[in-house]
Amino acid sequence: MSGELFILILVVITALGFDFTNGFHDTGNAMATSIATGALKPKVAVALSAVLNLVGAFLSVEVAATITKDVLKIQTKSGDLVQGLDAEKAMMIIFAGLIGGILWNLLTWLLGLPSSSSHALFGGLIGAGLAGAVTINWNGIFSKVLIPALLSPVIAGLIAAIGTFSVYAIVAKARADKKNEGFRWGQVGTASLVSLAHGTGDAQKTMGVIALALIAHGTLTADGIENDGLPVWVIFSCALAIALGTYLGGWRIIRTLGKGLVEIESPQGMAAEASSAAIILTSSHFGMALSTTHVATGSILGSGVGKPGAQVRWGVAGRMVAAWLTTLPAAGLVGAACYGLAHLIGGVPGAITIFVILVALSAYMYLRSQKQKVDHSNVNDEWDGVDLDDLATATSPSDEKATR
């Protein structure tokens, strides 16, 4: 087996690993409010979300095409790699960028912070690309990543706030039990739509990264993808990876979104999910690599603003925004450091070294999470009494009691 092929295999494995972390990191975007209100039982919610993520991954490839051309410029219009870039170097840059994205995903999951998996991936790729002196498509990043990242949570929040206010005004005289029962059924539908929308966006980001690696290896060309689409094995493997990650359930983040931001009721949950689904599906149609986390968080906050008298925990929201602002540069630094180390060692030994570092740090964070375990059995416990300054460490219900 040649060195280039070995590195390509490592890249594909790592990309599917990122897709898996994306799945459990973002489950809460679709299902947190339905779990919090009792519309769906926790295990049923993640199973439903997993199936719909799987289906959604097959519905569109617009976002995948965006990844291949709007982040790193590795191929000329004639189909050759850009000057000064060979297949091994290009794949090593992609490999290091994926590691940056995975490690940031795992760190924020450990802390229970709903940061953007998409921006972790882009940050890792940009950092590794800068370290490898590859041209970055800044126009594409600004127009299809950064500007949507700034606007989407604000737009989602406004739509959800208006929707929530309208819903409560319309059903003001309805019996509380009938009202909640009806909206819980509505939540099942809107949460399902968010999961489907998530599959049309986030699974494709990993498809695009694998396609980028295949372009670097010479197996695919950008024009070939545009004309013939992605290979079926790429679509299927990415769809399966994100579905499995979703089923695992990112319970720590589900808890933060469902219990930490707003004490949410069924009408709010339905309004938030409907807002999220509409925005995510629209962005996928136009090929914008939108962060579903930003959209979902903005929608949940908007549902709190739109309900008269609702309590919104702005301290938790502020901590999330800090994580959002940190994501791109932090993942970029990790991606750049990994590329620098791999390049210093060189070739296959360099690729193996950074892969071992990834596995070791991932195992450490998983073991650390087991000391403060959050799962389907306690994800819905009350948030009351949490000191917001201790959010990073008090992510399990037992820890919350200790902070009272």
Protein backbone atom coordinates (compact mmCIF):
# COMPACT_ATOMS: atom_id res chain seq x y z
CA MET A 1 0.00 0.00 0.00
CA SER A 2 1.39 3.38 -0.97
CA GLY A 3 1.84 6.14 1.58
CA GLU A 4 -0.73 8.37 -0.16
CA LEU A 5 -3.38 5.65 -0.08
CA PHE A 6 -2.70 4.95 3.61
CA ILE A 7 -3.12 8.65 4.47
CA LEU A 8 -6.31 8.78 2.38
CA ILE A 9 -7.75 5.84 4.37
CA LEU A 10 -6.86 7.61 7.65
CA VAL A 11 -8.55 10.77 6.38
CA VAL A 12 -11.75 8.90 5.48
CA ILE A 13 -11.82 7.11 8.87
CA THR A 14 -11.24 10.40 10.71
CA ALA A 15 -13.86 12.20 8.62
CA LEU A 16 -16.44 9.56 9.56
CA GLY A 17 -15.31 9.97 13.17
CA PHE A 18 -16.01 13.70 12.89
CA ASP A 19 -19.40 12.92 11.38
CA PHE A 20 -20.14 10.65 14.36
CA THR A 21 -19.23 13.40 16.85
CA ASN A 22 -21.33 15.84 14.81
CA GLY A 23 -24.29 13.51 15.25
CA PHE A 24 -24.21 13.26 19.04
CA HIS A 25 -23.06 16.86 19.43
CA ASP A 26 -26.08 18.18 17.54
CA THR A 27 -28.87 15.80 18.60
CA GLY A 28 -30.07 18.45 21.03
CA ASN A 29 -30.68 20.92 18.21
CA ALA A 30 -33.66 18.85 17.11
CA MET A 31 -34.77 16.99 20.20
CA ALA A 32 -33.86 18.98 23.33
CA THR A 33 -37.17 20.83 23.60
CA SER A 34 -39.27 17.74 22.85
CA ILE A 35 -37.44 15.83 25.58
CA ALA A 36 -37.71 18.75 28.02
CA THR A 37 -41.49 19.07 27.58
CA GLY A 38 -42.13 15.34 27.63
CA ALA A 39 -43.41 15.26 24.04
CA LEU A 40 -41.00 12.39 23.38
CA LYS A 41 -39.22 10.02 25.72
CA PRO A 42 -35.43 10.52 25.57
CA LYS A 43 -34.51 7.21 23.91
CA VAL A 44 -37.40 7.45 21.46
CA ALA A 45 -36.38 10.99 20.56
CA VAL A 46 -32.78 10.14 19.69
CA ALA A 47 -33.85 7.03 17.74
CA LEU A 48 -36.33 9.08 15.68
CA SER A 49 -33.72 11.77 15.11
CA ALA A 50 -31.15 9.19 13.98
CA VAL A 51 -33.48 7.70 11.37
CA LEU A 52 -34.42 11.11 9.98
CA ASN A 53 -30.79 12.27 9.88
CA LEU A 54 -30.04 9.16 7.84
CA VAL A 55 -32.86 9.94 5.40
CA GLY A 56 -31.99 13.64 5.19
CA ALA A 57 -28.41 12.91 4.17
CA PHE A 58 -29.65 11.48 0.86
CA LEU A 59 -31.85 14.43 -0.09
CA SER A 60 -29.30 17.00 -1.31
CA VAL A 61 -25.59 17.52 -2.05
CA GLU A 62 -25.50 21.32 -2.30
CA VAL A 63 -23.67 21.79 1.02
CA ALA A 64 -21.15 19.07 0.13
CA ALA A 65 -20.36 20.92 -3.09
CA THR A 66 -19.83 24.12 -1.06
CA ILE A 67 -17.19 22.39 1.08
CA THR A 68 -15.22 21.20 -1.95
CA LYS A 69 -14.86 24.67 -3.46
CA ASP A 70 -15.60 27.39 -0.89
CA VAL A 71 -13.08 26.67 1.90
CA LEU A 72 -9.70 25.48 0.60
CA LYS A 73 -8.45 25.98 -2.96
CA ILE A 74 -6.57 22.78 -3.77
CA GLN A 75 -7.51 22.26 -7.42
CA THR A 76 -7.25 24.43 -10.53
CA LYS A 77 -10.00 24.71 -13.13
CA SER A 78 -8.12 22.20 -15.29
CA GLY A 79 -8.38 19.58 -12.54
CA ASP A 80 -4.75 19.69 -11.38
CA LEU A 81 -3.65 20.43 -7.83
CA VAL A 82 -2.60 24.03 -7.31
CA GLN A 83 1.05 24.88 -7.66
CA GLY A 84 3.20 23.85 -4.71
CA LEU A 85 0.68 21.28 -3.47
CA ASP A 86 1.04 17.52 -3.87
CA ALA A 87 -1.47 14.82 -2.95
CA GLU A 88 0.20 13.89 0.34
CA LYS A 89 0.42 17.48 1.56
CA ALA A 90 -3.17 18.26 0.57
CA MET A 91 -4.52 15.18 2.35
CA MET A 92 -2.42 15.92 5.44
CA ILE A 93 -3.93 19.41 5.62
CA ILE A 94 -7.45 17.96 5.43
CA PHE A 95 -6.51 15.30 8.01
CA ALA A 96 -5.15 17.87 10.48
CA GLY A 97 -8.22 20.07 9.99
CA LEU A 98 -10.52 17.18 10.85
CA ILE A 99 -8.60 16.51 14.05
CA GLY A 100 -9.02 20.15 15.08
CA GLY A 101 -12.77 19.87 14.51
CA ILE A 102 -13.18 16.60 16.41
CA LEU A 103 -11.21 17.70 19.46
CA TRP A 104 -13.18 20.94 19.76
CA ASN A 105 -16.45 19.04 19.39
CA LEU A 106 -15.47 16.67 22.18
CA LEU A 107 -14.28 19.43 24.49
CA THR A 108 -17.48 21.45 24.14
CA TRP A 109 -19.56 18.28 24.55
CA LEU A 110 -17.67 17.52 27.76
CA LEU A 111 -18.52 21.01 29.03
CA GLY A 112 -22.14 20.73 27.89
CA LEU A 113 -21.78 23.73 25.56
CA PRO A 114 -23.73 23.67 22.26
CA SER A 115 -21.03 25.05 19.97
CA SER A 116 -21.06 24.69 16.19
CA SER A 117 -19.70 21.44 14.74
CA SER A 118 -19.68 23.14 11.35
CA HIS A 119 -17.48 25.99 12.53
CA ALA A 120 -15.20 23.55 14.34
CA LEU A 121 -14.67 21.78 11.02
CA PHE A 122 -14.15 24.98 9.07
CA GLY A 123 -11.81 26.36 11.73
CA GLY A 124 -9.71 23.19 11.69
CA LEU A 125 -9.46 23.23 7.88
CA ILE A 126 -8.62 26.94 7.75
CA GLY A 127 -5.94 26.62 10.44
CA ALA A 128 -4.34 23.59 8.78
CA GLY A 129 -4.61 25.31 5.39
CA LEU A 130 -2.85 28.44 6.64
CA ALA A 131 -0.12 26.32 8.23
CA GLY A 132 0.32 24.49 4.94
CA ALA A 133 0.35 27.74 2.94
CA VAL A 134 -2.75 26.79 0.95
CA THR A 135 -4.96 29.51 -0.50
CA ILE A 136 -8.08 30.04 1.60
CA ASN A 137 -11.29 30.98 -0.23
CA TRP A 138 -12.11 33.89 2.05
CA ASN A 139 -14.93 35.13 -0.20
CA GLY A 140 -16.69 31.77 0.06
CA ILE A 141 -16.10 31.59 3.83
CA PHE A 142 -17.48 35.09 4.44
CA SER A 143 -20.53 34.68 2.19
CA LYS A 144 -21.51 31.09 3.03
CA VAL A 145 -20.15 30.60 6.56
CA LEU A 146 -19.46 33.75 8.59
CA ILE A 147 -22.31 36.02 7.48
CA PRO A 148 -24.93 33.26 7.92
CA ALA A 149 -23.37 32.50 11.33
CA LEU A 150 -23.98 36.08 12.46
CA LEU A 151 -27.45 36.45 11.00
CA SER A 152 -29.00 33.02 11.55
CA PRO A 153 -29.40 33.03 15.36
CA VAL A 154 -30.85 36.55 15.27
CA ILE A 155 -33.32 35.67 12.49
CA ALA A 156 -34.23 32.38 14.17
CA GLY A 157 -34.77 34.15 17.49
CA LEU A 158 -37.02 36.79 15.95
CA ILE A 159 -39.13 34.24 14.08
CA ALA A 160 -39.45 32.01 17.15
CA ALA A 161 -40.33 34.98 19.38
CA ILE A 162 -43.07 36.15 17.01
CA GLY A 163 -44.34 32.58 16.60
CA THR A 164 -44.39 31.95 20.35
CA PHE A 165 -46.16 35.22 21.13
CA SER A 166 -48.75 34.52 18.42
CA VAL A 167 -49.36 30.96 19.59
CA TYR A 168 -49.96 31.98 23.21
CA ALA A 169 -52.28 34.78 22.09
CA ILE A 170 -54.32 32.43 19.92
CA VAL A 171 -54.73 29.69 22.55
CA ALA A 172 -55.01 31.98 25.59
CA LYS A 173 -58.49 30.73 26.47
CA ALA A 174 -57.84 27.05 25.77
CA ARG A 175 -57.66 24.54 28.62
CA ALA A 176 -54.06 24.00 29.72
CA ASP A 177 -54.17 20.20 29.46
CA LYS A 178 -55.69 20.22 25.97
CA LYS A 179 -53.29 22.95 24.85
CA ASN A 180 -50.18 21.14 26.03
CA GLU A 181 -51.33 17.80 24.61
CA GLY A 182 -51.95 19.27 21.18
CA PHE A 183 -48.67 21.12 21.04
CA ARG A 184 -46.74 18.05 22.17
CA TRP A 185 -48.00 16.24 19.10
CA GLY A 186 -47.02 19.28 17.07
CA GLN A 187 -43.56 19.12 18.59
CA VAL A 188 -43.10 15.56 17.35
CA GLY A 189 -43.68 16.79 13.80
CA THR A 190 -41.50 19.89 14.00
CA ALA A 191 -38.66 18.09 15.82
CA SER A 192 -38.74 15.42 13.12
CA LEU A 193 -38.46 18.13 10.47
CA VAL A 194 -35.42 19.65 12.22
CA SER A 195 -33.74 16.22 12.28
CA LEU A 196 -34.44 15.77 8.58
CA ALA A 197 -33.07 19.25 7.91
CA HIS A 198 -29.97 18.50 9.98
CA GLY A 199 -29.25 15.49 7.78
CA THR A 200 -29.51 17.61 4.63
CA GLY A 201 -26.85 19.97 6.00
CA ASP A 202 -24.41 18.53 8.48
CA ALA A 203 -23.94 15.04 7.01
CA GLN A 204 -23.03 16.69 3.74
CA LYS A 205 -20.21 18.69 5.31
CA THR A 206 -18.37 15.46 5.97
CA MET A 207 -19.23 14.21 2.50
CA GLY A 208 -17.61 17.36 1.16
CA VAL A 209 -14.45 16.81 3.22
CA ILE A 210 -14.11 13.21 2.00
CA ALA A 211 -14.70 14.44 -1.55
CA LEU A 212 -11.97 17.05 -1.02
CA ALA A 213 -9.56 14.30 0.07
CA LEU A 214 -10.50 12.22 -2.98
CA ILE A 215 -9.87 15.24 -5.19
CA ALA A 216 -6.43 15.67 -3.58
CA HIS A 217 -5.70 11.98 -4.14
CA GLY A 218 -6.74 12.25 -7.79
CA THR A 219 -9.70 9.87 -7.49
CA LEU A 220 -12.30 12.60 -8.11
CA THR A 221 -12.43 16.03 -9.70
CA ALA A 222 -14.53 19.01 -8.68
CA ASP A 223 -16.15 19.09 -12.13
CA GLY A 224 -16.94 15.39 -11.86
CA ILE A 225 -18.73 15.93 -8.55
CA GLU A 226 -20.69 18.85 -10.00
CA ASN A 227 -21.76 16.83 -13.05
CA ASP A 228 -22.14 13.30 -11.64
CA GLY A 229 -22.62 13.85 -7.93
CA LEU A 230 -20.80 12.10 -5.08
CA PRO A 231 -20.00 8.39 -5.03
CA VAL A 232 -22.76 6.39 -3.36
CA TRP A 233 -20.38 4.92 -0.76
CA VAL A 234 -19.46 8.42 0.43
CA ILE A 235 -23.11 9.42 0.88
CA PHE A 236 -24.09 6.17 2.59
CA SER A 237 -21.13 6.01 4.99
CA CYS A 238 -21.57 9.65 6.07
CA ALA A 239 -25.32 9.20 6.51
CA LEU A 240 -24.76 6.11 8.64
CA ALA A 241 -22.04 7.76 10.77
CA ILE A 242 -24.12 10.81 11.65
CA ALA A 243 -27.17 8.63 12.34
CA LEU A 244 -25.21 6.41 14.74
CA GLY A 245 -23.81 9.46 16.51
CA THR A 246 -27.29 10.92 16.79
CA TYR A 247 -28.65 7.72 18.31
CA LEU A 248 -25.87 7.72 20.90
CA GLY A 249 -27.37 10.98 22.14
CA GLY A 250 -25.32 13.99 23.24
CA TRP A 251 -27.10 14.06 26.57
CA ARG A 252 -24.94 16.77 28.14
CA ILE A 253 -25.80 19.23 25.37
CA ILE A 254 -29.43 18.11 25.21
CA ARG A 255 -29.66 18.97 28.90
CA THR A 256 -28.18 22.45 28.45
CA LEU A 257 -30.47 23.31 25.52
CA GLY A 258 -33.59 21.75 27.00
CA LYS A 259 -33.21 22.84 30.63
CA GLY A 260 -30.45 25.43 30.87
CA LEU A 261 -31.65 28.23 28.58
CA VAL A 262 -35.40 28.50 29.16
CA GLU A 263 -38.00 26.66 31.23
CA ILE A 264 -39.79 25.59 28.09
CA GLU A 265 -43.39 24.56 27.47
CA SER A 266 -44.84 22.69 24.50
CA PRO A 267 -46.08 25.76 22.55
CA GLN A 268 -42.63 27.32 22.85
CA GLY A 269 -40.95 24.09 21.80
CA MET A 270 -43.08 23.77 18.68
CA ALA A 271 -42.48 27.40 17.69
CA ALA A 272 -38.72 27.04 18.21
CA GLU A 273 -38.47 23.82 16.20
CA ALA A 274 -40.61 25.15 13.35
CA SER A 275 -38.39 28.23 13.14
CA SER A 276 -35.23 26.12 13.13
CA ALA A 277 -36.48 23.72 10.45
CA ALA A 278 -37.54 26.51 8.08
CA ILE A 279 -34.18 28.28 8.30
CA ILE A 280 -32.02 25.14 8.05
CA LEU A 281 -33.89 23.74 5.04
CA THR A 282 -33.70 27.11 3.27
CA SER A 283 -29.94 27.36 3.86
CA SER A 284 -29.37 23.79 2.63
CA HIS A 285 -31.25 24.58 -0.58
CA PHE A 286 -28.90 27.50 -1.29
CA GLY A 287 -25.77 25.55 -0.32
CA MET A 288 -24.99 27.65 2.77
CA ALA A 289 -23.04 25.70 5.40
CA LEU A 290 -25.18 26.97 8.25
CA SER A 291 -24.64 26.04 11.89
CA THR A 292 -27.72 24.18 13.12
CA THR A 293 -26.54 24.88 16.67
CA HIS A 294 -26.70 28.63 16.17
CA VAL A 295 -30.15 28.35 14.62
CA ALA A 296 -31.57 26.03 17.30
CA THR A 297 -30.14 28.09 20.18
CA GLY A 298 -31.45 31.32 18.69
CA SER A 299 -34.88 29.73 18.27
CA ILE A 300 -35.01 28.47 21.87
CA LEU A 301 -33.99 31.89 23.21
CA GLY A 302 -36.59 33.50 20.97
CA SER A 303 -39.26 31.20 22.37
CA GLY A 304 -38.37 32.43 25.85
CA VAL A 305 -38.49 36.08 24.79
CA GLY A 306 -41.83 35.55 23.04
CA LYS A 307 -43.59 34.05 26.05
CA PRO A 308 -44.71 36.71 28.55
CA GLY A 309 -43.12 36.12 31.93
CA ALA A 310 -40.75 33.35 30.79
CA GLN A 311 -37.35 33.10 32.49
CA VAL A 312 -34.39 33.24 30.10
CA ARG A 313 -31.01 32.37 31.60
CA TRP A 314 -28.87 34.92 29.79
CA GLY A 315 -25.76 33.83 31.69
CA VAL A 316 -25.96 30.40 30.06
CA ALA A 317 -26.62 32.03 26.68
CA GLY A 318 -23.59 34.29 27.13
CA ARG A 319 -21.39 31.29 27.85
CA MET A 320 -22.63 29.66 24.66
CA VAL A 321 -21.89 32.76 22.60
CA ALA A 322 -18.36 32.82 24.04
CA ALA A 323 -17.93 29.23 22.84
CA TRP A 324 -19.24 30.20 19.40
CA LEU A 325 -16.75 33.05 19.09
CA THR A 326 -13.91 30.79 20.22
CA THR A 327 -14.74 27.85 17.96
CA LEU A 328 -13.16 28.93 14.68
CA PRO A 329 -9.83 30.18 16.10
CA ALA A 330 -9.51 27.37 18.67
CA ALA A 331 -10.15 24.59 16.16
CA GLY A 332 -7.89 26.45 13.74
CA LEU A 333 -5.00 26.47 16.21
CA VAL A 334 -5.37 22.73 16.83
CA GLY A 335 -5.55 22.07 13.08
CA ALA A 336 -2.45 24.18 12.45
CA ALA A 337 -0.52 22.51 15.29
CA CYS A 338 -1.44 19.03 14.05
CA TYR A 339 -0.38 19.85 10.51
CA GLY A 340 2.89 21.36 11.74
CA LEU A 341 3.70 18.24 13.77
CA ALA A 342 2.75 15.86 10.95
CA HIS A 343 4.78 17.90 8.45
CA LEU A 344 7.78 17.98 10.79
CA ILE A 345 7.80 14.19 11.16
CA GLY A 346 6.79 13.65 7.56
CA GLY A 347 4.79 11.12 5.56
CA VAL A 348 3.01 8.14 7.05
CA PRO A 349 4.79 8.38 10.46
CA GLY A 350 3.54 11.97 10.80
CA ALA A 351 -0.02 10.96 9.95
CA ILE A 352 0.08 8.09 12.45
CA THR A 353 1.44 10.39 15.16
CA ILE A 354 -1.40 12.91 14.97
CA PHE A 355 -3.94 10.09 14.68
CA VAL A 356 -2.62 8.56 17.91
CA ILE A 357 -2.85 12.00 19.60
CA LEU A 358 -6.48 12.26 18.45
CA VAL A 359 -7.38 8.84 19.84
CA ALA A 360 -5.60 9.48 23.16
CA LEU A 361 -7.24 12.87 23.78
CA SER A 362 -10.65 11.56 22.71
CA ALA A 363 -10.36 8.65 25.15
CA TYR A 364 -9.33 11.02 27.95
CA MET A 365 -12.35 13.28 27.40
CA TYR A 366 -14.71 10.31 27.27
CA LEU A 367 -13.35 8.92 30.54
CA ARG A 368 -13.58 12.36 32.12
CA SER A 369 -17.24 12.60 31.09
CA GLN A 370 -18.06 9.40 32.96
CA LYS A 371 -17.21 11.08 36.28
CA GLN A 372 -20.12 13.51 35.75
CA LYS A 373 -22.42 11.32 33.70
CA VAL A 374 -25.53 12.64 32.01
CA ASP A 375 -27.72 10.16 30.12
CA HIS A 376 -31.34 9.47 29.23
CA SER A 377 -32.18 8.69 32.86
CA ASN A 378 -31.29 12.14 34.27
CA VAL A 379 -31.26 14.48 31.26
CA ASN A 380 -34.63 15.93 32.27
CA ASP A 381 -33.87 16.56 35.96
CA GLU A 382 -34.56 20.08 37.15
CA TRP A 383 -31.93 22.75 36.52
CA ASP A 384 -32.96 24.80 39.58
CA GLY A 385 -30.20 26.22 41.74
CA VAL A 386 -27.32 25.99 39.27
CA ASP A 387 -24.65 28.60 39.72
CA LEU A 388 -23.99 29.82 36.19
CA ASP A 389 -20.34 30.42 36.98
CA ASP A 390 -20.01 26.67 37.58
CA LEU A 391 -21.73 25.57 34.37
CA ALA A 392 -18.56 24.19 32.82
CA THR A 393 -18.09 21.71 35.63
CA ALA A 394 -21.63 21.26 36.97
CA THR A 395 -23.11 19.45 33.97
CA SER A 396 -24.73 16.52 35.76
CA PRO A 397 -27.72 16.73 38.08
CA SER A 398 -25.67 15.49 41.02
CA ASP A 399 -23.20 18.31 40.47
CA GLU A 400 -26.02 20.82 40.29
CA LYS A 401 -27.22 19.78 43.74
CA ALA A 402 -23.73 20.30 45.06
CA THR A 403 -23.77 23.93 43.83
CA ARG A 404 -27.00 24.87 45.64
